[in-house]
Amino acid sequence: MQINDLFEPFIADSLKEALPLIDRKLKGFAHPDALLTAVESRSSSPVRIIRDERMQSISLKGLYPCGEGAGYAGGIVSAAVDGIKAAEKILQS
């Protein structure tokens, strides 16, 4: 299956333009034998698990909701930082 079979032309064209640009920074990314198996999309959780000042769930003690799935981050770096903060709170308790 080709990119053109999966996406509207404006998306397919953008991907075709972007992949060689990414390859300039990540050599081998656009290797002729490479397969594009999925497109990662970024979205934040539509829900938020409410937590207290200790980063613990207000409805389930012992649960430390953190990162994207809990509604406290919007990407991998912010999720990692939120996880570190939760770990610090756990160590303090």
C-alpha atoms as a PDB file:
ATOM      1  CA  MET A   1       0.000   0.000   0.000  1.00  0.00           C
ATOM      2  CA  GLN A   2       1.294   3.465  -0.822  1.00  0.00           C
ATOM      3  CA  ILE A   3       0.984   6.767   1.042  1.00  0.00           C
ATOM      4  CA  ASN A   4      -1.332   8.003  -1.702  1.00  0.00           C
ATOM      5  CA  ASP A   5      -3.708   5.115  -0.939  1.00  0.00           C
ATOM      6  CA  LEU A   6      -3.978   6.063   2.726  1.00  0.00           C
ATOM      7  CA  PHE A   7      -4.139   9.842   2.830  1.00  0.00           C
ATOM      8  CA  GLU A   8      -5.650  12.800   1.069  1.00  0.00           C
ATOM      9  CA  PRO A   9      -3.204  14.437  -1.360  1.00  0.00           C
ATOM     10  CA  PHE A  10      -2.331  17.347   0.952  1.00  0.00           C
ATOM     11  CA  ILE A  11      -1.270  14.909   3.701  1.00  0.00           C
ATOM     12  CA  ALA A  12       0.526  12.499   1.368  1.00  0.00           C
ATOM     13  CA  ASP A  13       2.396  15.352  -0.295  1.00  0.00           C
ATOM     14  CA  SER A  14       3.444  16.762   3.096  1.00  0.00           C
ATOM     15  CA  LEU A  15       4.781  13.364   4.181  1.00  0.00           C
ATOM     16  CA  LYS A  16       6.658  12.886   0.926  1.00  0.00           C
ATOM     17  CA  GLU A  17       8.277  16.274   1.414  1.00  0.00           C
ATOM     18  CA  ALA A  18       9.037  15.773   5.112  1.00  0.00           C
ATOM     19  CA  LEU A  19      10.600  12.306   5.024  1.00  0.00           C
ATOM     20  CA  PRO A  20      13.747  13.333   3.096  1.00  0.00           C
ATOM     21  CA  LEU A  21      14.135  16.343   5.408  1.00  0.00           C
ATOM     22  CA  ILE A  22      14.015  14.061   8.450  1.00  0.00           C
ATOM     23  CA  ASP A  23      16.558  11.783   6.754  1.00  0.00           C
ATOM     24  CA  ARG A  24      19.035  14.671   6.656  1.00  0.00           C
ATOM     25  CA  LYS A  25      19.028  14.738  10.472  1.00  0.00           C
ATOM     26  CA  LEU A  26      18.477  11.001  11.068  1.00  0.00           C
ATOM     27  CA  LYS A  27      20.589   9.254   8.450  1.00  0.00           C
ATOM     28  CA  GLY A  28      18.886   6.112   7.183  1.00  0.00           C
ATOM     29  CA  PHE A  29      15.401   7.247   8.187  1.00  0.00           C
ATOM     30  CA  ALA A  30      14.320   7.354   4.547  1.00  0.00           C
ATOM     31  CA  HIS A  31      16.394   4.371   3.439  1.00  0.00           C
ATOM     32  CA  PRO A  32      14.953   2.725   0.300  1.00  0.00           C
ATOM     33  CA  ASP A  33      14.306  -0.474   2.283  1.00  0.00           C
ATOM     34  CA  ALA A  34      12.643   1.354   5.200  1.00  0.00           C
ATOM     35  CA  LEU A  35       8.945   0.861   5.774  1.00  0.00           C
ATOM     36  CA  LEU A  36       6.569   3.478   7.085  1.00  0.00           C
ATOM     37  CA  THR A  37       4.338   1.279   9.212  1.00  0.00           C
ATOM     38  CA  ALA A  38       2.363   3.879  11.131  1.00  0.00           C
ATOM     39  CA  VAL A  39       1.932   7.557  11.559  1.00  0.00           C
ATOM     40  CA  GLU A  40       2.153   8.795  15.129  1.00  0.00           C
ATOM     41  CA  SER A  41      -0.335  11.446  16.024  1.00  0.00           C
ATOM     42  CA  ARG A  42      -0.181  13.672  19.045  1.00  0.00           C
ATOM     43  CA  SER A  43      -3.179  14.421  21.149  1.00  0.00           C
ATOM     44  CA  SER A  44      -3.793  15.002  24.786  1.00  0.00           C
ATOM     45  CA  SER A  45      -6.067  12.940  26.956  1.00  0.00           C
ATOM     46  CA  PRO A  46      -9.695  14.086  26.858  1.00  0.00           C
ATOM     47  CA  VAL A  47      -9.980  13.369  30.579  1.00  0.00           C
ATOM     48  CA  ARG A  48      -7.982  14.288  33.652  1.00  0.00           C
ATOM     49  CA  ILE A  49      -7.659  12.167  36.776  1.00  0.00           C
ATOM     50  CA  ILE A  50      -7.819  14.718  39.573  1.00  0.00           C
ATOM     51  CA  ARG A  51      -4.934  14.603  42.013  1.00  0.00           C
ATOM     52  CA  ASP A  52      -4.090  16.443  45.225  1.00  0.00           C
ATOM     53  CA  GLU A  53      -1.032  18.551  46.088  1.00  0.00           C
ATOM     54  CA  ARG A  54       0.944  15.336  46.693  1.00  0.00           C
ATOM     55  CA  MET A  55       0.082  14.245  43.107  1.00  0.00           C
ATOM     56  CA  GLN A  56      -2.046  11.406  44.492  1.00  0.00           C
ATOM     57  CA  SER A  57      -5.495  10.624  43.117  1.00  0.00           C
ATOM     58  CA  ILE A  58      -8.230  12.200  45.219  1.00  0.00           C
ATOM     59  CA  SER A  59     -10.510   9.224  44.644  1.00  0.00           C
ATOM     60  CA  LEU A  60      -8.061   6.310  44.941  1.00  0.00           C
ATOM     61  CA  LYS A  61      -5.303   6.661  47.510  1.00  0.00           C
ATOM     62  CA  GLY A  62      -1.991   5.173  46.446  1.00  0.00           C
ATOM     63  CA  LEU A  63      -2.576   6.018  42.767  1.00  0.00           C
ATOM     64  CA  TYR A  64      -0.328   8.714  41.334  1.00  0.00           C
ATOM     65  CA  PRO A  65      -1.853   9.673  37.972  1.00  0.00           C
ATOM     66  CA  CYS A  66       0.722  11.278  35.736  1.00  0.00           C
ATOM     67  CA  GLY A  67       1.646  11.851  32.122  1.00  0.00           C
ATOM     68  CA  GLU A  68      -0.490  12.015  29.020  1.00  0.00           C
ATOM     69  CA  GLY A  69      -2.973   9.279  29.862  1.00  0.00           C
ATOM     70  CA  ALA A  70      -3.919  10.988  33.110  1.00  0.00           C
ATOM     71  CA  GLY A  71      -4.303  14.362  31.389  1.00  0.00           C
ATOM     72  CA  TYR A  72      -1.180  16.038  32.793  1.00  0.00           C
ATOM     73  CA  ALA A  73       1.088  16.212  29.747  1.00  0.00           C
ATOM     74  CA  GLY A  74       0.969  16.860  26.044  1.00  0.00           C
ATOM     75  CA  GLY A  75       4.025  15.003  24.794  1.00  0.00           C
ATOM     76  CA  ILE A  76       6.777  12.594  25.673  1.00  0.00           C
ATOM     77  CA  VAL A  77       9.049  15.138  27.368  1.00  0.00           C
ATOM     78  CA  SER A  78       6.346  16.745  29.489  1.00  0.00           C
ATOM     79  CA  ALA A  79       5.064  13.260  30.380  1.00  0.00           C
ATOM     80  CA  ALA A  80       8.554  12.260  31.509  1.00  0.00           C
ATOM     81  CA  VAL A  81       8.894  15.394  33.627  1.00  0.00           C
ATOM     82  CA  ASP A  82       5.488  14.793  35.203  1.00  0.00           C
ATOM     83  CA  GLY A  83       6.517  11.194  35.956  1.00  0.00           C
ATOM     84  CA  ILE A  84       9.689  12.390  37.656  1.00  0.00           C
ATOM     85  CA  LYS A  85       7.676  14.815  39.793  1.00  0.00           C
ATOM     86  CA  ALA A  86       5.284  12.006  40.763  1.00  0.00           C
ATOM     87  CA  ALA A  87       8.229   9.750  41.664  1.00  0.00           C
ATOM     88  CA  GLU A  88       9.675  12.485  43.860  1.00  0.00           C
ATOM     89  CA  LYS A  89       6.338  12.813  45.708  1.00  0.00           C
ATOM     90  CA  ILE A  90       6.206   9.044  46.205  1.00  0.00           C
ATOM     91  CA  LEU A  91       9.740   9.074  47.662  1.00  0.00           C
ATOM     92  CA  GLN A  92       8.784  11.891  50.016  1.00  0.00           C
ATOM     93  CA  SER A  93       5.792   9.977  51.401  1.00  0.00           C
END
